[in-house]
Amino acid sequence: MSVEMIEKLADYIKTEIMKQPDRQIASDEALISGGLIDSFSLVDLALFVEESFNVVIDDTELNADTFDTLQQLADLIKSRQ
């Protein structure tokens, strides 16, 4: 499930946030601290995560400590399911 989850997250970020559907994002690539997504996009991503995976993300978790890589996102989602 983790691979599919990471692919779904990556597809959303590439197409909806970055508008670069052909770009590759590694599971350990820094999204926030690497400048790929900004704070506005972070909120959109959190809403996508909540709706797509039926989990609740606390506003305090929207930071580079818990939300910076696809793997961190997948781990957070799995811990909430």
C-alpha atoms as a PDB file:
ATOM      1  CA  MET A   1       0.000   0.000   0.000  1.00  0.00           C
ATOM      2  CA  SER A   2       2.829   2.377   0.745  1.00  0.00           C
ATOM      3  CA  VAL A   3       4.068   2.395  -2.862  1.00  0.00           C
ATOM      4  CA  GLU A   4       0.585   3.120  -4.218  1.00  0.00           C
ATOM      5  CA  MET A   5       0.073   5.782  -1.571  1.00  0.00           C
ATOM      6  CA  ILE A   6       3.352   7.484  -2.441  1.00  0.00           C
ATOM      7  CA  GLU A   7       2.503   7.354  -6.161  1.00  0.00           C
ATOM      8  CA  LYS A   8      -0.923   8.899  -5.532  1.00  0.00           C
ATOM      9  CA  LEU A   9       0.628  11.680  -3.445  1.00  0.00           C
ATOM     10  CA  ALA A  10       3.351  12.299  -6.026  1.00  0.00           C
ATOM     11  CA  ASP A  11       0.827  12.429  -8.872  1.00  0.00           C
ATOM     12  CA  TYR A  12      -1.256  15.001  -7.028  1.00  0.00           C
ATOM     13  CA  ILE A  13       1.752  17.177  -6.239  1.00  0.00           C
ATOM     14  CA  LYS A  14       3.131  16.967  -9.789  1.00  0.00           C
ATOM     15  CA  THR A  15      -0.154  17.673 -11.584  1.00  0.00           C
ATOM     16  CA  GLU A  16      -2.160  19.881  -9.237  1.00  0.00           C
ATOM     17  CA  ILE A  17       0.462  21.801  -7.284  1.00  0.00           C
ATOM     18  CA  MET A  18       3.583  21.967  -9.441  1.00  0.00           C
ATOM     19  CA  LYS A  19       1.786  21.750 -12.814  1.00  0.00           C
ATOM     20  CA  GLN A  20       4.665  19.541 -14.023  1.00  0.00           C
ATOM     21  CA  PRO A  21       3.104  16.101 -14.608  1.00  0.00           C
ATOM     22  CA  ASP A  22       6.288  14.653 -16.121  1.00  0.00           C
ATOM     23  CA  ARG A  23       8.500  15.608 -13.172  1.00  0.00           C
ATOM     24  CA  GLN A  24       9.766  12.820 -10.956  1.00  0.00           C
ATOM     25  CA  ILE A  25       9.646  13.158  -7.172  1.00  0.00           C
ATOM     26  CA  ALA A  26      11.665  10.742  -5.064  1.00  0.00           C
ATOM     27  CA  SER A  27      10.017   9.399  -1.919  1.00  0.00           C
ATOM     28  CA  ASP A  28      12.734  11.070   0.172  1.00  0.00           C
ATOM     29  CA  GLU A  29      12.917  14.361  -1.747  1.00  0.00           C
ATOM     30  CA  ALA A  30      12.323  17.448   0.399  1.00  0.00           C
ATOM     31  CA  LEU A  31       9.023  19.051  -0.604  1.00  0.00           C
ATOM     32  CA  ILE A  32       8.817  21.993   1.781  1.00  0.00           C
ATOM     33  CA  SER A  33      12.423  22.616   2.746  1.00  0.00           C
ATOM     34  CA  GLY A  34      13.442  21.924  -0.860  1.00  0.00           C
ATOM     35  CA  GLY A  35      11.073  24.617  -2.132  1.00  0.00           C
ATOM     36  CA  LEU A  36       8.848  22.339  -4.232  1.00  0.00           C
ATOM     37  CA  ILE A  37       5.692  23.365  -2.394  1.00  0.00           C
ATOM     38  CA  ASP A  38       4.846  26.532  -0.502  1.00  0.00           C
ATOM     39  CA  SER A  39       2.615  27.133   2.497  1.00  0.00           C
ATOM     40  CA  PHE A  40      -0.501  27.697   0.371  1.00  0.00           C
ATOM     41  CA  SER A  41       0.082  24.463  -1.508  1.00  0.00           C
ATOM     42  CA  LEU A  42       0.681  22.692   1.771  1.00  0.00           C
ATOM     43  CA  VAL A  43      -2.895  23.384   2.841  1.00  0.00           C
ATOM     44  CA  ASP A  44      -4.181  22.041  -0.489  1.00  0.00           C
ATOM     45  CA  LEU A  45      -2.056  18.931  -0.053  1.00  0.00           C
ATOM     46  CA  ALA A  46      -3.357  18.411   3.488  1.00  0.00           C
ATOM     47  CA  LEU A  47      -6.954  18.650   2.250  1.00  0.00           C
ATOM     48  CA  PHE A  48      -6.182  16.158  -0.519  1.00  0.00           C
ATOM     49  CA  VAL A  49      -4.652  13.766   2.021  1.00  0.00           C
ATOM     50  CA  GLU A  50      -7.649  14.056   4.339  1.00  0.00           C
ATOM     51  CA  GLU A  51     -10.173  13.500   1.556  1.00  0.00           C
ATOM     52  CA  SER A  52      -8.278  10.782  -0.305  1.00  0.00           C
ATOM     53  CA  PHE A  53      -7.166   8.687   2.643  1.00  0.00           C
ATOM     54  CA  ASN A  54      -9.931   9.478   5.150  1.00  0.00           C
ATOM     55  CA  VAL A  55      -7.586  10.764   7.849  1.00  0.00           C
ATOM     56  CA  VAL A  56      -7.385  13.956   9.908  1.00  0.00           C
ATOM     57  CA  ILE A  57      -4.271  16.121   9.747  1.00  0.00           C
ATOM     58  CA  ASP A  58      -3.763  18.608  12.555  1.00  0.00           C
ATOM     59  CA  ASP A  59      -2.729  22.120  11.496  1.00  0.00           C
ATOM     60  CA  THR A  60       0.340  21.860  13.720  1.00  0.00           C
ATOM     61  CA  GLU A  61       1.566  18.954  11.563  1.00  0.00           C
ATOM     62  CA  LEU A  62       1.786  21.087   8.426  1.00  0.00           C
ATOM     63  CA  ASN A  63       5.529  21.621   8.625  1.00  0.00           C
ATOM     64  CA  ALA A  64       8.808  20.230   7.360  1.00  0.00           C
ATOM     65  CA  ASP A  65       9.184  17.978  10.408  1.00  0.00           C
ATOM     66  CA  THR A  66       6.220  15.763   9.529  1.00  0.00           C
ATOM     67  CA  PHE A  67       5.192  16.720   6.002  1.00  0.00           C
ATOM     68  CA  ASP A  68       8.466  17.221   4.093  1.00  0.00           C
ATOM     69  CA  THR A  69       8.778  14.020   2.049  1.00  0.00           C
ATOM     70  CA  LEU A  70       6.405  11.614   0.375  1.00  0.00           C
ATOM     71  CA  GLN A  71       7.603   8.897   2.741  1.00  0.00           C
ATOM     72  CA  GLN A  72       6.849  11.063   5.792  1.00  0.00           C
ATOM     73  CA  LEU A  73       3.371  11.736   4.409  1.00  0.00           C
ATOM     74  CA  ALA A  74       2.749   8.044   3.776  1.00  0.00           C
ATOM     75  CA  ASP A  75       3.955   7.155   7.282  1.00  0.00           C
ATOM     76  CA  LEU A  76       1.680   9.807   8.795  1.00  0.00           C
ATOM     77  CA  ILE A  77      -1.304   8.556   6.798  1.00  0.00           C
ATOM     78  CA  LYS A  78      -0.654   4.935   7.763  1.00  0.00           C
ATOM     79  CA  SER A  79      -0.425   5.897  11.433  1.00  0.00           C
ATOM     80  CA  ARG A  80      -3.900   7.498  11.198  1.00  0.00           C
ATOM     81  CA  GLN A  81      -5.687   4.701   9.374  1.00  0.00           C
END
